[in-house]
Amino acid sequence: MRIALVTDAWVPQINGVVRTLSRIVEELRADGHEVLVVSPEKFRTVPCPTYPEIRLAVWPFAGVRRLLDDFGPEAIHIATEAPLGWAARRYCRKRGLPFTTSFHTRFPEYVQARTRLPPALGYAVIRRFHKPAARIMVATKTIHDELEKRGIPRLVMWSRGVDTQLFRPQAKDALDLPRPIHLYVGRVAVEKNIHAFLDLDLPGSKAVVGGGPMLDELRRQYPGVAFVGPKQGEDLARHYAAGDVFVFPSKTDTFGLVMLEALACGLPVAAYPVPGPLDVIDGHGIGVLDEDLGKAVAAAREIPSEHCRNFALSFSWRNCARQFLAYLEPIG
């Protein structure tokens, strides 16, 4: 099958959306499917406001049309509600072609965190973007129900996976810090609510793995925190494994792939009882959710590492890719 994946989030960006999409592409190609990735690297781009490391395509419709015409896809999936996503949506609408979409990022809440605009305005745009899609893939039941209440139809559940060979318990020597080590991995940005973690009074140490627009500012504000910058591959896995508790302070993520990666490395999770943690962590004995994040961290430290690892072993990128393939809407 010839599958076109249109996404504004792609390498060299480092985030859960890119990791999910890139692994899906790998699995699909391994199964013999031909996949065209329409991403910003194929276009002239400008930096995203407040996120200069994210590049946005400029006037991409003609380029998207040319790429899709030349490829002749048998299915089109649009992964992001940004310039390339809107261009691909327009392409499909003009030709009467079916397409699917996915909801990865709660942009209305992200915009509110930066501008104070009410999320209702952002969700009106989200609703308009996804309305023509044959199916809209979402990662968790909580997000499914939330979007359904906001009038977004034809939602289907699309789970996630984790590479349990890469992310695994191993020597804890990547971080030479007093223990216990409380670890955060992800973008260093306001919408991740990272201050809620950094402001906690905790024994041992705090470590932050990742880059983002607030990195330099937070290094100055919190000199006692180890900010080690972004990591990838085996180096990232080593830093996960070096921690003792994974702290996930975000209240805006739709899933939180980093939680699965941490669990695969044997780290229990402390988080707020919000979408993402509620779906992944709640009721499984692998983490603690509490409106008091400090209480959640203290309780999570008591959870055996092997419980976390065993839970993560049930997640597979192959199953994730098969779900994705089953939800695609064939053209013609």
C-alpha atoms as a PDB file:
ATOM      1  CA  MET A   1       0.000   0.000   0.000  1.00  0.00           C
ATOM      2  CA  ARG A   2       1.238   3.504  -0.822  1.00  0.00           C
ATOM      3  CA  ILE A   3       0.651   5.659   2.246  1.00  0.00           C
ATOM      4  CA  ALA A   4       1.228   9.416   2.453  1.00  0.00           C
ATOM      5  CA  LEU A   5       1.912  10.730   5.950  1.00  0.00           C
ATOM      6  CA  VAL A   6       1.720  14.513   6.203  1.00  0.00           C
ATOM      7  CA  THR A   7       3.238  15.966   9.353  1.00  0.00           C
ATOM      8  CA  ASP A   8       4.610  19.318  10.499  1.00  0.00           C
ATOM      9  CA  ALA A   9       6.364  17.480  13.361  1.00  0.00           C
ATOM     10  CA  TRP A  10       9.396  15.557  12.149  1.00  0.00           C
ATOM     11  CA  VAL A  11      13.107  15.165  12.701  1.00  0.00           C
ATOM     12  CA  PRO A  12      15.237  16.900  13.903  1.00  0.00           C
ATOM     13  CA  GLN A  13      12.500  17.770  16.409  1.00  0.00           C
ATOM     14  CA  ILE A  14      12.677  15.597  19.535  1.00  0.00           C
ATOM     15  CA  ASN A  15       9.288  14.870  21.058  1.00  0.00           C
ATOM     16  CA  GLY A  16       6.739  12.134  21.529  1.00  0.00           C
ATOM     17  CA  VAL A  17       4.853  12.934  18.320  1.00  0.00           C
ATOM     18  CA  VAL A  18       7.998  12.595  16.194  1.00  0.00           C
ATOM     19  CA  ARG A  19       9.026   9.391  17.957  1.00  0.00           C
ATOM     20  CA  THR A  20       5.571   7.907  17.443  1.00  0.00           C
ATOM     21  CA  LEU A  21       5.324   8.808  13.750  1.00  0.00           C
ATOM     22  CA  SER A  22       8.882   7.785  12.904  1.00  0.00           C
ATOM     23  CA  ARG A  23       8.404   4.373  14.552  1.00  0.00           C
ATOM     24  CA  ILE A  24       5.120   3.868  12.699  1.00  0.00           C
ATOM     25  CA  VAL A  25       6.866   4.633   9.403  1.00  0.00           C
ATOM     26  CA  GLU A  26       9.617   2.119  10.255  1.00  0.00           C
ATOM     27  CA  GLU A  27       7.083  -0.597  11.061  1.00  0.00           C
ATOM     28  CA  LEU A  28       4.999   0.057   7.937  1.00  0.00           C
ATOM     29  CA  ARG A  29       8.043  -0.051   5.672  1.00  0.00           C
ATOM     30  CA  ALA A  30       9.243  -3.230   7.351  1.00  0.00           C
ATOM     31  CA  ASP A  31       5.883  -4.791   6.443  1.00  0.00           C
ATOM     32  CA  GLY A  32       6.362  -3.855   2.781  1.00  0.00           C
ATOM     33  CA  HIS A  33       4.297  -0.680   2.579  1.00  0.00           C
ATOM     34  CA  GLU A  34       5.589   2.335   0.641  1.00  0.00           C
ATOM     35  CA  VAL A  35       5.421   5.460   2.804  1.00  0.00           C
ATOM     36  CA  LEU A  36       5.906   9.070   1.691  1.00  0.00           C
ATOM     37  CA  VAL A  37       6.557  11.453   4.582  1.00  0.00           C
ATOM     38  CA  VAL A  38       5.590  15.024   3.697  1.00  0.00           C
ATOM     39  CA  SER A  39       7.477  17.043   6.312  1.00  0.00           C
ATOM     40  CA  PRO A  40       8.997  20.529   6.724  1.00  0.00           C
ATOM     41  CA  GLU A  41      12.415  19.400   5.462  1.00  0.00           C
ATOM     42  CA  LYS A  42      10.981  19.425   1.925  1.00  0.00           C
ATOM     43  CA  PHE A  43       9.927  23.111   2.108  1.00  0.00           C
ATOM     44  CA  ARG A  44      11.132  26.603   2.836  1.00  0.00           C
ATOM     45  CA  THR A  45      10.517  27.167   6.528  1.00  0.00           C
ATOM     46  CA  VAL A  46      10.456  29.827   9.229  1.00  0.00           C
ATOM     47  CA  PRO A  47      10.906  29.381  12.997  1.00  0.00           C
ATOM     48  CA  CYS A  48       7.746  28.844  14.998  1.00  0.00           C
ATOM     49  CA  PRO A  49       7.063  31.820  17.315  1.00  0.00           C
ATOM     50  CA  THR A  50       8.387  31.058  20.838  1.00  0.00           C
ATOM     51  CA  TYR A  51       9.718  27.712  19.499  1.00  0.00           C
ATOM     52  CA  PRO A  52      12.603  28.531  17.122  1.00  0.00           C
ATOM     53  CA  GLU A  53      13.718  24.901  17.010  1.00  0.00           C
ATOM     54  CA  ILE A  54      10.412  24.027  15.322  1.00  0.00           C
ATOM     55  CA  ARG A  55      10.324  24.976  11.646  1.00  0.00           C
ATOM     56  CA  LEU A  56       7.032  25.723   9.871  1.00  0.00           C
ATOM     57  CA  ALA A  57       6.573  25.418   6.110  1.00  0.00           C
ATOM     58  CA  VAL A  58       5.813  28.646   4.236  1.00  0.00           C
ATOM     59  CA  TRP A  59       2.994  28.612   1.628  1.00  0.00           C
ATOM     60  CA  PRO A  60       3.300  24.857   1.157  1.00  0.00           C
ATOM     61  CA  PHE A  61       0.191  24.027  -0.899  1.00  0.00           C
ATOM     62  CA  ALA A  62       1.887  23.854  -4.309  1.00  0.00           C
ATOM     63  CA  GLY A  63       4.679  21.675  -2.926  1.00  0.00           C
ATOM     64  CA  VAL A  64       2.245  19.388  -1.123  1.00  0.00           C
ATOM     65  CA  ARG A  65       0.159  19.049  -4.287  1.00  0.00           C
ATOM     66  CA  ARG A  66       3.216  18.164  -6.360  1.00  0.00           C
ATOM     67  CA  LEU A  67       4.493  15.580  -3.873  1.00  0.00           C
ATOM     68  CA  LEU A  68       1.111  13.877  -3.524  1.00  0.00           C
ATOM     69  CA  ASP A  69       0.389  13.939  -7.259  1.00  0.00           C
ATOM     70  CA  ASP A  70       3.773  12.365  -8.023  1.00  0.00           C
ATOM     71  CA  PHE A  71       3.389   9.710  -5.323  1.00  0.00           C
ATOM     72  CA  GLY A  72      -0.190   8.684  -6.092  1.00  0.00           C
ATOM     73  CA  PRO A  73      -1.111   7.579  -2.550  1.00  0.00           C
ATOM     74  CA  GLU A  74      -3.633   4.871  -1.810  1.00  0.00           C
ATOM     75  CA  ALA A  75      -4.260   6.397   1.620  1.00  0.00           C
ATOM     76  CA  ILE A  76      -3.500   9.814   3.132  1.00  0.00           C
ATOM     77  CA  HIS A  77      -3.029  10.506   6.822  1.00  0.00           C
ATOM     78  CA  ILE A  78      -2.664  14.059   8.153  1.00  0.00           C
ATOM     79  CA  ALA A  79      -0.974  14.093  11.541  1.00  0.00           C
ATOM     80  CA  THR A  80      -0.797  17.789  12.493  1.00  0.00           C
ATOM     81  CA  GLU A  81      -2.997  20.890  12.431  1.00  0.00           C
ATOM     82  CA  ALA A  82      -0.256  23.209  11.113  1.00  0.00           C
ATOM     83  CA  PRO A  83       0.705  24.562   7.640  1.00  0.00           C
ATOM     84  CA  LEU A  84       1.427  21.205   5.988  1.00  0.00           C
ATOM     85  CA  GLY A  85      -1.634  19.640   7.581  1.00  0.00           C
ATOM     86  CA  TRP A  86      -3.895  22.411   6.333  1.00  0.00           C
ATOM     87  CA  ALA A  87      -2.350  22.196   2.854  1.00  0.00           C
ATOM     88  CA  ALA A  88      -2.939  18.443   2.679  1.00  0.00           C
ATOM     89  CA  ARG A  89      -6.482  18.882   3.962  1.00  0.00           C
ATOM     90  CA  ARG A  90      -7.135  21.404   1.205  1.00  0.00           C
ATOM     91  CA  TYR A  91      -5.626  19.033  -1.372  1.00  0.00           C
ATOM     92  CA  CYS A  92      -7.935  16.207  -0.313  1.00  0.00           C
ATOM     93  CA  ARG A  93     -11.019  18.415  -0.131  1.00  0.00           C
ATOM     94  CA  LYS A  94     -10.449  19.886  -3.603  1.00  0.00           C
ATOM     95  CA  ARG A  95     -10.154  16.394  -5.114  1.00  0.00           C
ATOM     96  CA  GLY A  96     -12.830  14.698  -3.049  1.00  0.00           C
ATOM     97  CA  LEU A  97     -10.292  12.284  -1.533  1.00  0.00           C
ATOM     98  CA  PRO A  98     -10.872  10.616   1.832  1.00  0.00           C
ATOM     99  CA  PHE A  99      -8.248  11.082   4.523  1.00  0.00           C
ATOM    100  CA  THR A 100      -7.647  10.359   8.186  1.00  0.00           C
ATOM    101  CA  THR A 101      -6.200  12.599  10.880  1.00  0.00           C
ATOM    102  CA  SER A 102      -4.793  12.217  14.381  1.00  0.00           C
ATOM    103  CA  PHE A 103      -4.903  14.429  17.465  1.00  0.00           C
ATOM    104  CA  HIS A 104      -1.520  14.508  19.192  1.00  0.00           C
ATOM    105  CA  THR A 105      -1.200  17.894  20.875  1.00  0.00           C
ATOM    106  CA  ARG A 106      -3.570  20.038  22.917  1.00  0.00           C
ATOM    107  CA  PHE A 107      -2.673  23.219  21.066  1.00  0.00           C
ATOM    108  CA  PRO A 108      -5.562  25.258  22.560  1.00  0.00           C
ATOM    109  CA  GLU A 109      -4.130  24.722  26.057  1.00  0.00           C
ATOM    110  CA  TYR A 110      -0.600  25.449  24.795  1.00  0.00           C
ATOM    111  CA  VAL A 111      -1.782  28.720  23.278  1.00  0.00           C
ATOM    112  CA  GLN A 112      -3.607  29.613  26.492  1.00  0.00           C
ATOM    113  CA  ALA A 113      -0.397  29.047  28.483  1.00  0.00           C
ATOM    114  CA  ARG A 114       1.374  31.599  26.292  1.00  0.00           C
ATOM    115  CA  THR A 115      -1.325  34.122  25.374  1.00  0.00           C
ATOM    116  CA  ARG A 116      -4.248  33.586  27.815  1.00  0.00           C
ATOM    117  CA  LEU A 117      -6.625  33.087  24.875  1.00  0.00           C
ATOM    118  CA  PRO A 118      -9.523  30.829  25.941  1.00  0.00           C
ATOM    119  CA  PRO A 119      -9.196  27.216  24.757  1.00  0.00           C
ATOM    120  CA  ALA A 120     -12.706  27.371  23.245  1.00  0.00           C
ATOM    121  CA  LEU A 121     -11.322  29.466  20.381  1.00  0.00           C
ATOM    122  CA  GLY A 122      -8.576  26.959  19.673  1.00  0.00           C
ATOM    123  CA  TYR A 123     -10.980  24.034  19.787  1.00  0.00           C
ATOM    124  CA  ALA A 124     -13.200  25.740  17.223  1.00  0.00           C
ATOM    125  CA  VAL A 125     -10.211  25.635  14.843  1.00  0.00           C
ATOM    126  CA  ILE A 126      -9.406  22.031  15.829  1.00  0.00           C
ATOM    127  CA  ARG A 127     -13.021  21.025  15.201  1.00  0.00           C
ATOM    128  CA  ARG A 128     -13.013  22.643  11.763  1.00  0.00           C
ATOM    129  CA  PHE A 129      -9.720  20.978  10.835  1.00  0.00           C
ATOM    130  CA  HIS A 130     -10.760  17.438  11.755  1.00  0.00           C
ATOM    131  CA  LYS A 131     -14.456  17.541  10.772  1.00  0.00           C
ATOM    132  CA  PRO A 132     -13.995  16.225   7.170  1.00  0.00           C
ATOM    133  CA  ALA A 133     -11.726  13.327   8.221  1.00  0.00           C
ATOM    134  CA  ALA A 134     -12.980   9.760   7.786  1.00  0.00           C
ATOM    135  CA  ARG A 135     -11.498   8.916  11.186  1.00  0.00           C
ATOM    136  CA  ILE A 136      -9.636  10.866  13.860  1.00  0.00           C
ATOM    137  CA  MET A 137      -7.109   8.813  15.819  1.00  0.00           C
ATOM    138  CA  VAL A 138      -6.552   9.614  19.500  1.00  0.00           C
ATOM    139  CA  ALA A 139      -4.240   7.976  22.016  1.00  0.00           C
ATOM    140  CA  THR A 140      -6.423   7.637  25.126  1.00  0.00           C
ATOM    141  CA  LYS A 141     -10.028   7.160  26.221  1.00  0.00           C
ATOM    142  CA  THR A 142      -9.922  10.364  28.239  1.00  0.00           C
ATOM    143  CA  ILE A 143      -8.960  12.438  25.196  1.00  0.00           C
ATOM    144  CA  HIS A 144     -11.534  10.553  23.108  1.00  0.00           C
ATOM    145  CA  ASP A 145     -14.310  11.498  25.527  1.00  0.00           C
ATOM    146  CA  GLU A 146     -13.103  15.084  25.882  1.00  0.00           C
ATOM    147  CA  LEU A 147     -13.020  15.678  22.117  1.00  0.00           C
ATOM    148  CA  GLU A 148     -16.375  13.971  21.673  1.00  0.00           C
ATOM    149  CA  LYS A 149     -17.905  16.409  24.146  1.00  0.00           C
ATOM    150  CA  ARG A 150     -16.414  19.237  22.086  1.00  0.00           C
ATOM    151  CA  GLY A 151     -18.294  18.064  19.006  1.00  0.00           C
ATOM    152  CA  ILE A 152     -15.507  16.241  17.168  1.00  0.00           C
ATOM    153  CA  PRO A 153     -16.907  13.084  15.505  1.00  0.00           C
ATOM    154  CA  ARG A 154     -15.598   9.716  14.235  1.00  0.00           C
ATOM    155  CA  LEU A 155     -12.957   9.276  16.931  1.00  0.00           C
ATOM    156  CA  VAL A 156     -11.038   5.994  17.205  1.00  0.00           C
ATOM    157  CA  MET A 157      -8.518   4.744  19.745  1.00  0.00           C
ATOM    158  CA  TRP A 158      -4.915   4.451  18.570  1.00  0.00           C
ATOM    159  CA  SER A 159      -2.536   3.286  21.302  1.00  0.00           C
ATOM    160  CA  ARG A 160       1.237   3.763  21.580  1.00  0.00           C
ATOM    161  CA  GLY A 161       4.302   1.576  21.898  1.00  0.00           C
ATOM    162  CA  VAL A 162       7.749   1.608  23.450  1.00  0.00           C
ATOM    163  CA  ASP A 163      11.067   0.093  22.421  1.00  0.00           C
ATOM    164  CA  THR A 164      11.704  -2.160  25.409  1.00  0.00           C
ATOM    165  CA  GLN A 165      15.072  -3.281  24.036  1.00  0.00           C
ATOM    166  CA  LEU A 166      16.381   0.287  23.992  1.00  0.00           C
ATOM    167  CA  PHE A 167      14.578   1.496  27.106  1.00  0.00           C
ATOM    168  CA  ARG A 168      15.512  -0.997  29.815  1.00  0.00           C
ATOM    169  CA  PRO A 169      16.892  -1.151  33.360  1.00  0.00           C
ATOM    170  CA  GLN A 170      20.669  -0.803  33.347  1.00  0.00           C
ATOM    171  CA  ALA A 171      23.547   0.727  35.288  1.00  0.00           C
ATOM    172  CA  LYS A 172      22.628   3.984  37.014  1.00  0.00           C
ATOM    173  CA  ASP A 173      25.901   5.765  36.264  1.00  0.00           C
ATOM    174  CA  ALA A 174      24.714   8.317  33.689  1.00  0.00           C
ATOM    175  CA  LEU A 175      23.842  10.775  36.470  1.00  0.00           C
ATOM    176  CA  ASP A 176      26.353  11.311  39.278  1.00  0.00           C
ATOM    177  CA  LEU A 177      23.971  12.962  41.750  1.00  0.00           C
ATOM    178  CA  PRO A 178      22.754  12.387  45.311  1.00  0.00           C
ATOM    179  CA  ARG A 179      19.908   9.875  45.484  1.00  0.00           C
ATOM    180  CA  PRO A 180      17.057   9.519  45.109  1.00  0.00           C
ATOM    181  CA  ILE A 181      17.178  11.120  41.645  1.00  0.00           C
ATOM    182  CA  HIS A 182      13.854  12.600  40.542  1.00  0.00           C
ATOM    183  CA  LEU A 183      13.840  12.773  36.759  1.00  0.00           C
ATOM    184  CA  TYR A 184      11.974  14.832  34.175  1.00  0.00           C
ATOM    185  CA  VAL A 185      12.353  14.132  30.451  1.00  0.00           C
ATOM    186  CA  GLY A 186      10.695  16.314  27.822  1.00  0.00           C
ATOM    187  CA  ARG A 187      10.490  19.786  26.366  1.00  0.00           C
ATOM    188  CA  VAL A 188      11.572  22.529  28.715  1.00  0.00           C
ATOM    189  CA  ALA A 189       8.609  24.786  28.051  1.00  0.00           C
ATOM    190  CA  VAL A 190       5.833  26.564  29.911  1.00  0.00           C
ATOM    191  CA  GLU A 191       3.031  24.255  28.726  1.00  0.00           C
ATOM    192  CA  LYS A 192       4.785  21.283  30.341  1.00  0.00           C
ATOM    193  CA  ASN A 193       4.158  22.822  33.792  1.00  0.00           C
ATOM    194  CA  ILE A 194       7.787  22.088  34.662  1.00  0.00           C
ATOM    195  CA  HIS A 195       7.814  24.669  37.482  1.00  0.00           C
ATOM    196  CA  ALA A 196       5.526  22.351  39.456  1.00  0.00           C
ATOM    197  CA  PHE A 197       8.368  19.816  39.514  1.00  0.00           C
ATOM    198  CA  LEU A 198      11.245  22.237  40.006  1.00  0.00           C
ATOM    199  CA  ASP A 199       9.560  23.961  42.956  1.00  0.00           C
ATOM    200  CA  LEU A 200       9.089  20.730  44.924  1.00  0.00           C
ATOM    201  CA  ASP A 201      11.092  20.269  48.129  1.00  0.00           C
ATOM    202  CA  LEU A 202      12.476  16.764  47.590  1.00  0.00           C
ATOM    203  CA  PRO A 203      15.305  14.716  49.094  1.00  0.00           C
ATOM    204  CA  GLY A 204      18.224  13.784  46.874  1.00  0.00           C
ATOM    205  CA  SER A 205      18.343  15.447  43.447  1.00  0.00           C
ATOM    206  CA  LYS A 206      16.316  16.703  40.508  1.00  0.00           C
ATOM    207  CA  ALA A 207      17.446  16.163  36.915  1.00  0.00           C
ATOM    208  CA  VAL A 208      15.969  17.528  33.695  1.00  0.00           C
ATOM    209  CA  VAL A 209      16.669  15.896  30.329  1.00  0.00           C
ATOM    210  CA  GLY A 210      15.557  17.894  27.303  1.00  0.00           C
ATOM    211  CA  GLY A 211      15.772  21.215  25.525  1.00  0.00           C
ATOM    212  CA  GLY A 212      13.340  24.012  24.857  1.00  0.00           C
ATOM    213  CA  PRO A 213      12.683  27.733  25.008  1.00  0.00           C
ATOM    214  CA  MET A 214      12.921  27.947  28.810  1.00  0.00           C
ATOM    215  CA  LEU A 215      16.131  25.968  29.269  1.00  0.00           C
ATOM    216  CA  ASP A 216      18.557  28.864  29.766  1.00  0.00           C
ATOM    217  CA  GLU A 217      16.130  30.781  31.969  1.00  0.00           C
ATOM    218  CA  LEU A 218      15.458  27.797  34.241  1.00  0.00           C
ATOM    219  CA  ARG A 219      19.153  26.978  34.540  1.00  0.00           C
ATOM    220  CA  ARG A 220      19.605  30.443  36.042  1.00  0.00           C
ATOM    221  CA  GLN A 221      16.528  30.197  38.283  1.00  0.00           C
ATOM    222  CA  TYR A 222      17.279  26.698  39.612  1.00  0.00           C
ATOM    223  CA  PRO A 223      21.036  26.299  40.021  1.00  0.00           C
ATOM    224  CA  GLY A 224      20.525  23.222  42.211  1.00  0.00           C
ATOM    225  CA  VAL A 225      18.844  21.265  39.424  1.00  0.00           C
ATOM    226  CA  ALA A 226      20.889  19.225  36.944  1.00  0.00           C
ATOM    227  CA  PHE A 227      19.858  20.360  33.449  1.00  0.00           C
ATOM    228  CA  VAL A 228      21.671  17.965  31.127  1.00  0.00           C
ATOM    229  CA  GLY A 229      20.121  19.059  27.813  1.00  0.00           C
ATOM    230  CA  PRO A 230      18.518  16.880  25.130  1.00  0.00           C
ATOM    231  CA  LYS A 231      19.560  13.253  24.719  1.00  0.00           C
ATOM    232  CA  GLN A 232      18.782  10.644  22.083  1.00  0.00           C
ATOM    233  CA  GLY A 233      18.977   6.908  21.549  1.00  0.00           C
ATOM    234  CA  GLU A 234      21.143   4.889  23.917  1.00  0.00           C
ATOM    235  CA  ASP A 235      22.284   8.035  25.731  1.00  0.00           C
ATOM    236  CA  LEU A 236      18.664   8.936  26.473  1.00  0.00           C
ATOM    237  CA  ALA A 237      17.957   5.399  27.679  1.00  0.00           C
ATOM    238  CA  ARG A 238      20.954   5.555  30.033  1.00  0.00           C
ATOM    239  CA  HIS A 239      19.696   8.796  31.542  1.00  0.00           C
ATOM    240  CA  TYR A 240      16.228   7.354  32.088  1.00  0.00           C
ATOM    241  CA  ALA A 241      17.705   4.291  33.782  1.00  0.00           C
ATOM    242  CA  ALA A 242      19.844   6.477  36.063  1.00  0.00           C
ATOM    243  CA  GLY A 243      16.776   7.970  37.734  1.00  0.00           C
ATOM    244  CA  ASP A 244      14.778   6.636  40.669  1.00  0.00           C
ATOM    245  CA  VAL A 245      11.377   8.288  40.113  1.00  0.00           C
ATOM    246  CA  PHE A 246       9.972   9.817  36.940  1.00  0.00           C
ATOM    247  CA  VAL A 247       8.049  13.044  37.536  1.00  0.00           C
ATOM    248  CA  PHE A 248       5.506  14.033  34.880  1.00  0.00           C
ATOM    249  CA  PRO A 249       4.104  17.464  35.790  1.00  0.00           C
ATOM    250  CA  SER A 250       2.305  18.192  32.495  1.00  0.00           C
ATOM    251  CA  LYS A 251      -1.443  18.787  32.506  1.00  0.00           C
ATOM    252  CA  THR A 252      -1.776  19.238  28.733  1.00  0.00           C
ATOM    253  CA  ASP A 253      -0.322  16.106  27.099  1.00  0.00           C
ATOM    254  CA  THR A 254      -2.614  13.755  25.208  1.00  0.00           C
ATOM    255  CA  PHE A 255      -0.594  10.675  26.182  1.00  0.00           C
ATOM    256  CA  GLY A 256       2.930  11.219  27.456  1.00  0.00           C
ATOM    257  CA  LEU A 257       5.138   8.712  25.641  1.00  0.00           C
ATOM    258  CA  VAL A 258       7.972   9.553  28.043  1.00  0.00           C
ATOM    259  CA  MET A 259       6.032   7.795  30.800  1.00  0.00           C
ATOM    260  CA  LEU A 260       6.183   4.501  28.901  1.00  0.00           C
ATOM    261  CA  GLU A 261       9.901   4.982  28.252  1.00  0.00           C
ATOM    262  CA  ALA A 262      10.526   5.644  31.936  1.00  0.00           C
ATOM    263  CA  LEU A 263       8.459   2.636  32.992  1.00  0.00           C
ATOM    264  CA  ALA A 264      10.373   0.424  30.564  1.00  0.00           C
ATOM    265  CA  CYS A 265      13.559   1.525  32.352  1.00  0.00           C
ATOM    266  CA  GLY A 266      12.022   0.558  35.690  1.00  0.00           C
ATOM    267  CA  LEU A 267      11.056   4.014  36.984  1.00  0.00           C
ATOM    268  CA  PRO A 268       7.722   4.525  38.769  1.00  0.00           C
ATOM    269  CA  VAL A 269       5.801   7.634  37.714  1.00  0.00           C
ATOM    270  CA  ALA A 270       4.482  10.538  39.789  1.00  0.00           C
ATOM    271  CA  ALA A 271       1.954  12.772  38.045  1.00  0.00           C
ATOM    272  CA  TYR A 272      -1.268  14.726  38.329  1.00  0.00           C
ATOM    273  CA  PRO A 273      -4.622  12.921  37.808  1.00  0.00           C
ATOM    274  CA  VAL A 274      -5.155  14.354  34.298  1.00  0.00           C
ATOM    275  CA  PRO A 275      -5.565  12.905  30.761  1.00  0.00           C
ATOM    276  CA  GLY A 276      -2.507  10.876  29.863  1.00  0.00           C
ATOM    277  CA  PRO A 277      -1.478   9.772  33.368  1.00  0.00           C
ATOM    278  CA  LEU A 278      -5.068   8.738  34.135  1.00  0.00           C
ATOM    279  CA  ASP A 279      -5.077   6.470  31.079  1.00  0.00           C
ATOM    280  CA  VAL A 280      -1.525   5.121  31.329  1.00  0.00           C
ATOM    281  CA  ILE A 281      -0.794   4.995  35.064  1.00  0.00           C
ATOM    282  CA  ASP A 282      -3.996   4.926  37.100  1.00  0.00           C
ATOM    283  CA  GLY A 283      -4.876   1.607  38.724  1.00  0.00           C
ATOM    284  CA  HIS A 284      -1.846  -0.371  37.528  1.00  0.00           C
ATOM    285  CA  GLY A 285       0.414  -0.093  40.588  1.00  0.00           C
ATOM    286  CA  ILE A 286       3.204   1.529  38.555  1.00  0.00           C
ATOM    287  CA  GLY A 287       2.880   5.113  39.705  1.00  0.00           C
ATOM    288  CA  VAL A 288       0.963   7.544  41.871  1.00  0.00           C
ATOM    289  CA  LEU A 289      -1.391  10.323  40.791  1.00  0.00           C
ATOM    290  CA  ASP A 290      -2.233  13.135  43.184  1.00  0.00           C
ATOM    291  CA  GLU A 291      -3.188  16.802  42.988  1.00  0.00           C
ATOM    292  CA  ASP A 292      -0.325  17.246  45.462  1.00  0.00           C
ATOM    293  CA  LEU A 293       2.604  16.324  43.202  1.00  0.00           C
ATOM    294  CA  GLY A 294       4.999  16.119  46.157  1.00  0.00           C
ATOM    295  CA  LYS A 295       2.828  13.450  47.797  1.00  0.00           C
ATOM    296  CA  ALA A 296       2.715  11.539  44.525  1.00  0.00           C
ATOM    297  CA  VAL A 297       6.519  11.584  44.279  1.00  0.00           C
ATOM    298  CA  ALA A 298       6.996  10.368  47.849  1.00  0.00           C
ATOM    299  CA  ALA A 299       4.564   7.484  47.372  1.00  0.00           C
ATOM    300  CA  ALA A 300       5.971   6.543  43.945  1.00  0.00           C
ATOM    301  CA  ARG A 301       9.424   6.012  45.462  1.00  0.00           C
ATOM    302  CA  GLU A 302       8.039   2.928  47.232  1.00  0.00           C
ATOM    303  CA  ILE A 303       6.960   1.121  44.051  1.00  0.00           C
ATOM    304  CA  PRO A 304       9.162  -1.815  42.974  1.00  0.00           C
ATOM    305  CA  SER A 305      11.045  -1.257  39.724  1.00  0.00           C
ATOM    306  CA  GLU A 306      10.122  -4.663  38.306  1.00  0.00           C
ATOM    307  CA  HIS A 307       6.397  -3.797  38.371  1.00  0.00           C
ATOM    308  CA  CYS A 308       7.072  -0.852  36.087  1.00  0.00           C
ATOM    309  CA  ARG A 309       9.179  -2.835  33.643  1.00  0.00           C
ATOM    310  CA  ASN A 310       6.658  -5.668  33.400  1.00  0.00           C
ATOM    311  CA  PHE A 311       3.847  -3.233  32.613  1.00  0.00           C
ATOM    312  CA  ALA A 312       5.824  -1.562  29.810  1.00  0.00           C
ATOM    313  CA  LEU A 313       6.511  -4.920  28.156  1.00  0.00           C
ATOM    314  CA  SER A 314       2.835  -5.107  27.143  1.00  0.00           C
ATOM    315  CA  PHE A 315       3.202  -2.147  24.737  1.00  0.00           C
ATOM    316  CA  SER A 316       4.348  -2.816  21.173  1.00  0.00           C
ATOM    317  CA  TRP A 317       5.122  -0.521  18.238  1.00  0.00           C
ATOM    318  CA  ARG A 318       4.096  -3.332  15.881  1.00  0.00           C
ATOM    319  CA  ASN A 319       0.593  -3.439  17.346  1.00  0.00           C
ATOM    320  CA  CYS A 320       0.484   0.359  17.228  1.00  0.00           C
ATOM    321  CA  ALA A 321       1.348   0.296  13.499  1.00  0.00           C
ATOM    322  CA  ARG A 322      -1.260  -2.362  12.794  1.00  0.00           C
ATOM    323  CA  GLN A 323      -3.930  -0.262  14.489  1.00  0.00           C
ATOM    324  CA  PHE A 324      -2.867   2.729  12.414  1.00  0.00           C
ATOM    325  CA  LEU A 325      -3.034   0.736   9.191  1.00  0.00           C
ATOM    326  CA  ALA A 326      -6.496  -0.629   9.999  1.00  0.00           C
ATOM    327  CA  TYR A 327      -7.869   2.886  10.543  1.00  0.00           C
ATOM    328  CA  LEU A 328      -6.621   4.333   7.237  1.00  0.00           C
ATOM    329  CA  GLU A 329      -9.296   5.134   4.647  1.00  0.00           C
ATOM    330  CA  PRO A 330      -8.354   3.735   1.200  1.00  0.00           C
ATOM    331  CA  ILE A 331      -8.629   6.056  -1.787  1.00  0.00           C
ATOM    332  CA  GLY A 332     -10.762   4.752  -4.624  1.00  0.00           C
END
